[in-house]
N, C-alpha and C. Protein backbone atom coordinates (compact mmCIF):
# COMPACT_ATOMS: atom_id res chain seq x y z
N UNK A 1 79.97 61.60 67.89
CA UNK A 1 78.79 61.71 68.73
C UNK A 1 79.18 62.18 70.14
N UNK A 2 80.25 61.62 70.65
CA UNK A 2 80.70 61.97 72.00
C UNK A 2 81.19 63.42 72.02
N UNK A 3 81.84 63.84 70.94
CA UNK A 3 82.35 65.21 70.88
C UNK A 3 81.20 66.20 70.85
N UNK A 4 80.15 65.89 70.11
CA UNK A 4 78.99 66.77 70.02
C UNK A 4 78.33 66.88 71.38
N UNK A 5 78.20 65.77 72.07
CA UNK A 5 77.58 65.77 73.39
C UNK A 5 78.42 66.59 74.37
N UNK A 6 79.73 66.43 74.31
CA UNK A 6 80.62 67.21 75.18
C UNK A 6 80.52 68.69 74.86
N UNK A 7 80.44 69.02 73.59
CA UNK A 7 80.33 70.42 73.18
C UNK A 7 79.02 71.02 73.68
N UNK A 8 77.93 70.26 73.59
CA UNK A 8 76.63 70.75 74.08
C UNK A 8 76.69 71.01 75.58
N UNK A 9 77.28 70.10 76.34
CA UNK A 9 77.39 70.29 77.79
C UNK A 9 78.29 71.50 78.11
N UNK A 10 79.33 71.67 77.32
CA UNK A 10 80.23 72.81 77.53
C UNK A 10 79.48 74.13 77.31
N UNK A 11 78.73 74.22 76.22
CA UNK A 11 77.96 75.43 75.92
C UNK A 11 76.89 75.65 76.99
N UNK A 12 76.21 74.60 77.42
CA UNK A 12 75.20 74.74 78.47
C UNK A 12 75.83 75.20 79.78
N UNK A 13 77.03 74.72 80.07
CA UNK A 13 77.73 75.16 81.29
C UNK A 13 78.09 76.63 81.24
N UNK A 14 78.55 77.08 80.08
CA UNK A 14 78.87 78.50 79.94
C UNK A 14 77.62 79.35 80.08
N UNK A 15 76.56 78.94 79.42
CA UNK A 15 75.29 79.69 79.50
C UNK A 15 74.77 79.70 80.94
N UNK A 16 74.84 78.57 81.61
CA UNK A 16 74.40 78.50 83.01
C UNK A 16 75.25 79.40 83.90
N UNK A 17 76.53 79.48 83.63
CA UNK A 17 77.41 80.35 84.39
C UNK A 17 77.04 81.82 84.21
N UNK A 18 76.72 82.20 82.99
CA UNK A 18 76.30 83.59 82.76
C UNK A 18 74.99 83.91 83.46
N UNK A 19 74.05 82.97 83.43
CA UNK A 19 72.77 83.19 84.10
C UNK A 19 72.98 83.29 85.61
N UNK A 20 73.80 82.41 86.17
CA UNK A 20 74.07 82.45 87.61
C UNK A 20 74.77 83.75 87.99
N UNK A 21 75.72 84.19 87.19
CA UNK A 21 76.43 85.44 87.48
C UNK A 21 75.46 86.62 87.42
N UNK A 22 74.55 86.60 86.48
CA UNK A 22 73.56 87.68 86.38
C UNK A 22 72.67 87.72 87.62
N UNK A 23 72.23 86.56 88.07
CA UNK A 23 71.37 86.50 89.26
C UNK A 23 72.13 86.93 90.51
N UNK A 24 73.39 86.53 90.64
CA UNK A 24 74.20 86.90 91.79
C UNK A 24 74.46 88.41 91.78
N UNK A 25 74.64 88.98 90.59
CA UNK A 25 74.94 90.40 90.48
C UNK A 25 73.75 91.27 90.86
N UNK A 26 72.55 90.73 90.85
CA UNK A 26 71.37 91.50 91.25
C UNK A 26 71.33 91.74 92.76
N UNK A 27 71.95 90.87 93.52
CA UNK A 27 71.97 90.97 94.98
C UNK A 27 73.13 91.89 95.40
N UNK A 28 72.92 92.78 96.38
CA UNK A 28 74.02 93.65 96.83
C UNK A 28 75.24 92.88 97.33
N UNK A 29 75.02 91.76 97.99
CA UNK A 29 76.15 90.95 98.43
C UNK A 29 76.92 90.37 97.24
N UNK A 30 76.16 90.00 96.21
CA UNK A 30 76.79 89.50 94.98
C UNK A 30 77.61 90.58 94.29
N UNK A 31 77.09 91.80 94.29
CA UNK A 31 77.83 92.92 93.70
C UNK A 31 79.13 93.17 94.46
N UNK A 32 79.05 93.06 95.79
CA UNK A 32 80.26 93.23 96.61
C UNK A 32 81.26 92.12 96.31
N UNK A 33 80.76 90.90 96.17
CA UNK A 33 81.62 89.76 95.84
C UNK A 33 82.32 89.99 94.50
N UNK A 34 81.57 90.43 93.49
CA UNK A 34 82.17 90.69 92.18
C UNK A 34 83.15 91.86 92.23
N UNK A 35 82.87 92.86 93.06
CA UNK A 35 83.80 93.99 93.20
C UNK A 35 85.12 93.51 93.81
N UNK A 36 85.04 92.65 94.84
CA UNK A 36 86.26 92.11 95.44
C UNK A 36 87.03 91.24 94.44
N UNK A 37 86.29 90.43 93.70
CA UNK A 37 86.91 89.57 92.71
C UNK A 37 87.60 90.41 91.63
N UNK A 38 86.93 91.46 91.18
CA UNK A 38 87.51 92.35 90.18
C UNK A 38 88.77 93.03 90.71
N UNK A 39 88.73 93.44 91.97
CA UNK A 39 89.89 94.08 92.59
C UNK A 39 91.07 93.12 92.67
N UNK A 40 90.82 91.89 93.07
CA UNK A 40 91.90 90.89 93.18
C UNK A 40 92.47 90.56 91.81
N UNK A 41 91.61 90.45 90.81
CA UNK A 41 92.09 90.17 89.46
C UNK A 41 92.94 91.34 88.96
N UNK A 42 92.51 92.57 89.26
CA UNK A 42 93.28 93.75 88.88
C UNK A 42 94.65 93.77 89.54
N UNK A 43 94.71 93.43 90.83
CA UNK A 43 96.00 93.37 91.54
C UNK A 43 96.90 92.31 90.91
N UNK A 44 96.32 91.17 90.60
CA UNK A 44 97.10 90.08 90.00
C UNK A 44 97.66 90.49 88.65
N UNK A 45 96.83 91.08 87.80
CA UNK A 45 97.32 91.48 86.48
C UNK A 45 98.36 92.59 86.59
N UNK A 46 98.21 93.49 87.55
CA UNK A 46 99.23 94.53 87.76
C UNK A 46 100.56 93.92 88.17
N UNK A 47 100.52 92.95 89.07
CA UNK A 47 101.75 92.29 89.51
C UNK A 47 102.41 91.53 88.36
N UNK A 48 101.59 90.84 87.58
CA UNK A 48 102.13 90.10 86.43
C UNK A 48 102.75 91.06 85.42
N UNK A 49 102.10 92.18 85.19
CA UNK A 49 102.62 93.17 84.25
C UNK A 49 103.94 93.75 84.75
N UNK A 50 104.01 94.07 86.04
CA UNK A 50 105.25 94.60 86.61
C UNK A 50 106.37 93.58 86.50
N UNK A 51 106.07 92.33 86.82
CA UNK A 51 107.09 91.28 86.74
C UNK A 51 107.56 91.08 85.30
N UNK A 52 106.63 91.15 84.36
CA UNK A 52 106.98 91.00 82.95
C UNK A 52 107.92 92.12 82.52
N UNK A 53 107.57 93.36 82.86
CA UNK A 53 108.40 94.49 82.46
C UNK A 53 109.77 94.46 83.14
N UNK A 54 109.81 94.00 84.38
CA UNK A 54 111.09 93.87 85.09
C UNK A 54 111.98 92.83 84.40
N UNK A 55 111.38 91.71 84.03
CA UNK A 55 112.14 90.66 83.35
C UNK A 55 112.58 91.13 81.96
N UNK A 56 111.72 91.87 81.30
CA UNK A 56 112.06 92.40 79.98
C UNK A 56 113.26 93.35 80.08
N UNK A 57 113.29 94.18 81.12
CA UNK A 57 114.41 95.09 81.34
C UNK A 57 115.69 94.32 81.62
N UNK A 58 115.60 93.28 82.44
CA UNK A 58 116.78 92.46 82.74
C UNK A 58 117.34 91.82 81.47
N UNK A 59 116.45 91.25 80.67
CA UNK A 59 116.90 90.60 79.44
C UNK A 59 117.48 91.61 78.46
N UNK A 60 116.90 92.78 78.41
CA UNK A 60 117.41 93.83 77.52
C UNK A 60 118.83 94.23 77.94
N UNK A 61 119.05 94.38 79.24
CA UNK A 61 120.40 94.70 79.74
C UNK A 61 121.38 93.58 79.44
N UNK A 62 120.93 92.34 79.61
CA UNK A 62 121.78 91.19 79.34
C UNK A 62 122.16 91.14 77.86
N UNK A 63 121.22 91.41 76.99
CA UNK A 63 121.50 91.41 75.56
C UNK A 63 122.46 92.54 75.20
N UNK A 64 122.24 93.71 75.79
CA UNK A 64 123.16 94.83 75.53
C UNK A 64 124.58 94.50 76.00
N UNK A 65 124.69 93.88 77.17
CA UNK A 65 126.02 93.48 77.67
C UNK A 65 126.67 92.46 76.74
N UNK A 66 125.87 91.52 76.23
CA UNK A 66 126.40 90.51 75.32
C UNK A 66 126.86 91.15 74.01
N UNK A 67 126.10 92.14 73.52
CA UNK A 67 126.51 92.84 72.30
C UNK A 67 127.83 93.59 72.52
N UNK A 68 127.94 94.25 73.67
CA UNK A 68 129.18 94.96 73.99
C UNK A 68 130.36 94.00 74.07
N UNK A 69 130.15 92.86 74.72
CA UNK A 69 131.22 91.87 74.86
C UNK A 69 131.60 91.30 73.50
N UNK A 70 130.61 91.06 72.64
CA UNK A 70 130.90 90.53 71.31
C UNK A 70 131.67 91.57 70.49
N UNK A 71 131.29 92.83 70.61
CA UNK A 71 132.01 93.89 69.89
C UNK A 71 133.44 94.00 70.34
N UNK A 72 133.65 93.89 71.64
CA UNK A 72 135.01 93.94 72.20
C UNK A 72 135.81 92.72 71.74
N UNK A 73 135.17 91.57 71.72
CA UNK A 73 135.86 90.34 71.30
C UNK A 73 136.27 90.43 69.83
N UNK A 74 135.50 91.10 69.01
CA UNK A 74 135.84 91.25 67.60
C UNK A 74 136.90 92.33 67.42
N UNK A 75 136.77 93.42 68.17
CA UNK A 75 137.72 94.53 68.03
C UNK A 75 139.12 94.16 68.50
N UNK A 76 139.23 93.40 69.56
CA UNK A 76 140.54 93.06 70.14
C UNK A 76 141.40 92.27 69.15
N UNK A 77 140.93 91.20 68.55
CA UNK A 77 141.77 90.49 67.56
C UNK A 77 142.08 91.37 66.34
N UNK A 78 141.12 92.19 65.94
CA UNK A 78 141.36 93.06 64.79
C UNK A 78 142.46 94.06 65.11
N UNK A 79 142.43 94.62 66.32
CA UNK A 79 143.49 95.54 66.73
C UNK A 79 144.84 94.83 66.80
N UNK A 80 144.84 93.62 67.33
CA UNK A 80 146.08 92.85 67.43
C UNK A 80 146.63 92.54 66.04
N UNK A 81 145.75 92.21 65.11
CA UNK A 81 146.19 91.92 63.74
C UNK A 81 146.76 93.17 63.09
N UNK A 82 146.13 94.31 63.34
CA UNK A 82 146.64 95.57 62.80
C UNK A 82 148.00 95.91 63.38
N UNK A 83 148.18 95.71 64.66
CA UNK A 83 149.47 95.97 65.30
C UNK A 83 150.54 95.04 64.74
N UNK A 84 150.18 93.77 64.55
CA UNK A 84 151.15 92.81 64.00
C UNK A 84 151.52 93.18 62.58
N UNK A 85 150.54 93.61 61.79
CA UNK A 85 150.83 94.01 60.41
C UNK A 85 151.74 95.23 60.39
N UNK A 86 151.51 96.17 61.27
CA UNK A 86 152.36 97.36 61.35
C UNK A 86 153.77 96.97 61.76
N UNK A 87 153.90 96.05 62.67
CA UNK A 87 155.22 95.60 63.10
C UNK A 87 155.94 94.90 61.97
N UNK A 88 155.21 94.10 61.20
CA UNK A 88 155.83 93.41 60.06
C UNK A 88 156.28 94.44 59.02
N UNK A 89 155.45 95.44 58.75
CA UNK A 89 155.81 96.47 57.78
C UNK A 89 157.06 97.23 58.23
N UNK A 90 157.12 97.52 59.52
CA UNK A 90 158.29 98.24 60.04
C UNK A 90 159.54 97.38 59.92
N UNK A 91 159.40 96.11 60.18
CA UNK A 91 160.53 95.20 60.13
C UNK A 91 160.98 94.94 58.70
N UNK A 92 160.04 94.79 57.80
CA UNK A 92 160.34 94.44 56.42
C UNK A 92 160.76 95.65 55.60
N UNK A 93 160.31 96.82 55.89
CA UNK A 93 160.62 97.99 55.08
C UNK A 93 162.11 98.29 55.14
N UNK A 94 162.69 98.69 53.99
CA UNK A 94 164.13 98.97 53.96
C UNK A 94 164.46 100.23 54.75
N UNK A 95 165.57 100.20 55.39
CA UNK A 95 166.02 101.34 56.17
C UNK A 95 166.84 102.26 55.29
N UNK A 96 166.76 103.54 55.53
CA UNK A 96 167.57 104.50 54.77
C UNK A 96 168.91 104.69 55.37
């Protein structure tokens, strides 16, 4: 029962907000207010988008650096093992 009552008040609040916004938009001052609000929201979303893309670029570079470091870490022991195997073969092989 309480949830239904809360839901009804929520829906009435949304409907009242739309009616109030419609009435405010009819007035030239209200239109100016909404234009400023729209401009500020646009600036905010642009800044958020720029920050997101900047962070995405940073993380992409970090991941690429980690991949390079991991590749180097794998290649170095493999090269060392190959060198050691070659040294053992040279040492063990019979001389003419």
